[in-house]
């Protein structure tokens, strides 16, 4: 498995609109296309690339929790939900995780034709490893993209 580049970071915040405006006004990012996830959010683009993903902090949103997991967020602050990296050789990566006995959450986003593997790093930071959907995965996903038979 090889990491080819940093892809994006995702922030969870209870201040979605304020955070969106901040990145638009301060960094010059623009809201752009986002897959039809079953929870709200924004993808903010710079130069045609989505570099910041915003997701709400909403403990009552079961679809959000099912996809990204739960996060503790202060009343008026946000947290880095995860950092994502583009990678190659999904089968070797899954084998590495299994050999190490590491738990992971698998997803497939059909609209983007990519597999996602979420792994919890020390300090409870989530790292997302993204692979092209043409690579062989050990799972199949439901309509929300959540793996239903991950190994």
Protein backbone atom coordinates (compact mmCIF):
# COMPACT_ATOMS: atom_id res chain seq x y z
CA UNK A 1 0.00 0.00 0.00
CA UNK A 2 1.28 3.44 -0.85
CA UNK A 3 0.04 6.89 0.14
CA UNK A 4 0.16 9.18 -2.88
CA UNK A 5 -1.00 12.47 -1.32
CA UNK A 6 -2.98 14.17 1.41
CA UNK A 7 -6.55 14.48 0.12
CA UNK A 8 -8.69 16.53 2.53
CA UNK A 9 -9.64 17.05 6.14
CA UNK A 10 -13.13 16.94 7.59
CA UNK A 11 -14.35 19.22 10.35
CA UNK A 12 -17.36 18.54 12.57
CA UNK A 13 -18.95 21.69 13.89
CA UNK A 14 -22.12 22.95 15.46
CA UNK A 15 -21.50 26.21 13.57
CA UNK A 16 -21.87 24.96 9.99
CA UNK A 17 -22.81 28.23 8.29
CA UNK A 18 -20.28 30.32 10.19
CA UNK A 19 -17.52 27.81 9.41
CA UNK A 20 -18.50 27.66 5.74
CA UNK A 21 -18.42 31.47 5.52
CA UNK A 22 -15.05 31.57 7.29
CA UNK A 23 -13.43 29.32 4.70
CA UNK A 24 -15.13 31.16 1.84
CA UNK A 25 -14.15 34.62 3.10
CA UNK A 26 -10.74 33.96 4.63
CA UNK A 27 -9.32 31.17 2.43
CA UNK A 28 -11.27 31.96 -0.74
CA UNK A 29 -12.77 28.46 -0.95
CA UNK A 30 -16.08 27.84 -2.73
CA UNK A 31 -18.84 25.36 -1.96
CA UNK A 32 -18.93 22.71 -4.67
CA UNK A 33 -20.29 19.29 -5.56
CA UNK A 34 -20.72 16.71 -2.82
CA UNK A 35 -21.90 13.08 -3.10
CA UNK A 36 -25.50 12.43 -2.04
CA UNK A 37 -24.63 11.35 1.51
CA UNK A 38 -27.60 10.78 3.80
CA UNK A 39 -26.53 13.63 6.10
CA UNK A 40 -25.94 17.36 5.52
CA UNK A 41 -22.60 18.98 4.88
CA UNK A 42 -20.45 21.04 2.54
CA UNK A 43 -17.40 20.34 0.44
CA UNK A 44 -15.23 23.44 0.04
CA UNK A 45 -13.06 23.68 -3.04
CA UNK A 46 -9.82 25.42 -3.93
CA UNK A 47 -8.70 25.31 -7.54
CA UNK A 48 -11.14 22.55 -8.46
CA UNK A 49 -10.20 20.27 -5.55
CA UNK A 50 -12.32 19.64 -2.45
CA UNK A 51 -9.87 20.33 0.39
CA UNK A 52 -12.19 20.85 3.37
CA UNK A 53 -15.29 18.81 4.14
CA UNK A 54 -17.73 20.15 6.72
CA UNK A 55 -20.10 17.89 8.62
CA UNK A 56 -22.47 18.92 11.37
CA UNK A 57 -22.26 18.01 14.99
CA UNK A 58 -25.68 16.46 15.52
CA UNK A 59 -25.80 13.60 18.05
CA UNK A 60 -29.42 12.93 17.02
CA UNK A 61 -28.56 12.26 13.35
CA UNK A 62 -28.31 8.45 13.20
CA UNK A 63 -27.27 8.46 9.52
CA UNK A 64 -24.35 10.78 10.26
CA UNK A 65 -23.25 8.65 13.22
CA UNK A 66 -23.59 5.44 11.19
CA UNK A 67 -21.34 6.80 8.46
CA UNK A 68 -18.72 8.86 10.32
CA UNK A 69 -19.14 7.68 13.90
CA UNK A 70 -19.78 9.95 16.88
CA UNK A 71 -17.60 12.88 17.91
CA UNK A 72 -17.54 15.09 20.96
CA UNK A 73 -17.80 18.75 19.96
CA UNK A 74 -17.89 21.76 22.26
CA UNK A 75 -20.88 24.08 22.22
CA UNK A 76 -19.22 26.61 19.94
CA UNK A 77 -16.16 24.82 18.62
CA UNK A 78 -15.45 22.19 16.02
CA UNK A 79 -13.17 19.21 15.87
CA UNK A 80 -11.12 17.66 13.13
CA UNK A 81 -13.23 14.62 12.32
CA UNK A 82 -10.65 12.97 10.09
CA UNK A 83 -7.71 13.47 7.77
CA UNK A 84 -7.80 11.66 4.41
CA UNK A 85 -5.02 10.32 2.21
CA UNK A 86 -5.14 8.97 -1.35
CA UNK A 87 -3.65 5.49 -1.57
CA UNK A 88 -3.03 2.50 -3.81
CA UNK A 89 -3.17 -1.30 -3.27
CA UNK A 90 -6.25 -1.79 -1.09
CA UNK A 91 -5.83 -5.59 -0.79
CA UNK A 92 -2.34 -5.17 0.69
CA UNK A 93 -3.62 -2.47 3.05
CA UNK A 94 -6.49 -4.64 4.29
CA UNK A 95 -4.06 -7.51 4.82
CA UNK A 96 -1.78 -5.22 6.83
CA UNK A 97 -4.68 -4.14 9.04
CA UNK A 98 -5.80 -7.74 9.58
CA UNK A 99 -2.26 -8.89 10.40
CA UNK A 100 -2.00 -6.12 13.01
CA UNK A 101 -5.47 -6.91 14.38
CA UNK A 102 -6.58 -3.32 13.73
CA UNK A 103 -10.26 -2.52 13.52
CA UNK A 104 -11.50 -0.38 10.64
CA UNK A 105 -14.71 0.90 9.07
CA UNK A 106 -15.12 0.31 5.35
CA UNK A 107 -17.20 2.42 2.99
CA UNK A 108 -17.74 2.74 -0.76
CA UNK A 109 -18.99 5.97 -2.32
CA UNK A 110 -20.53 4.95 -5.66
CA UNK A 111 -20.96 8.58 -6.78
CA UNK A 112 -17.18 9.07 -6.49
CA UNK A 113 -16.14 5.53 -7.42
CA UNK A 114 -13.91 5.21 -4.37
CA UNK A 115 -13.43 2.96 -1.37
CA UNK A 116 -12.84 4.49 2.05
CA UNK A 117 -11.15 2.80 5.00
CA UNK A 118 -11.37 4.63 8.33
CA UNK A 119 -8.81 3.69 11.00
CA UNK A 120 -8.53 5.17 14.50
CA UNK A 121 -5.01 6.41 15.28
CA UNK A 122 -3.61 7.01 18.77
CA UNK A 123 -5.37 9.92 20.44
CA UNK A 124 -8.66 8.89 18.78
CA UNK A 125 -7.90 10.75 15.53
CA UNK A 126 -9.57 9.10 12.54
CA UNK A 127 -7.48 8.64 9.40
CA UNK A 128 -9.30 7.92 6.13
CA UNK A 129 -7.45 5.95 3.45
CA UNK A 130 -9.03 6.41 0.00
CA UNK A 131 -8.66 3.89 -2.82
CA UNK A 132 -10.08 3.83 -6.34
CA UNK A 133 -13.23 1.67 -6.53
CA UNK A 134 -11.63 -0.37 -9.32
CA UNK A 135 -9.43 -1.92 -6.62
CA UNK A 136 -10.70 -5.14 -5.06
CA UNK A 137 -12.23 -4.74 -1.61
CA UNK A 138 -13.25 -7.41 0.87
CA UNK A 139 -16.70 -5.88 1.36
CA UNK A 140 -19.97 -4.94 -0.30
CA UNK A 141 -21.84 -1.79 0.69
CA UNK A 142 -25.47 -0.89 1.30
CA UNK A 143 -27.19 2.03 -0.43
CA UNK A 144 -25.60 4.49 2.04
CA UNK A 145 -22.12 3.20 1.18
CA UNK A 146 -21.61 1.44 4.52
CA UNK A 147 -19.92 -1.95 4.33
CA UNK A 148 -22.32 -4.71 5.28
CA UNK A 149 -19.91 -7.61 5.14
CA UNK A 150 -16.44 -6.22 5.97
CA UNK A 151 -14.02 -8.93 7.01
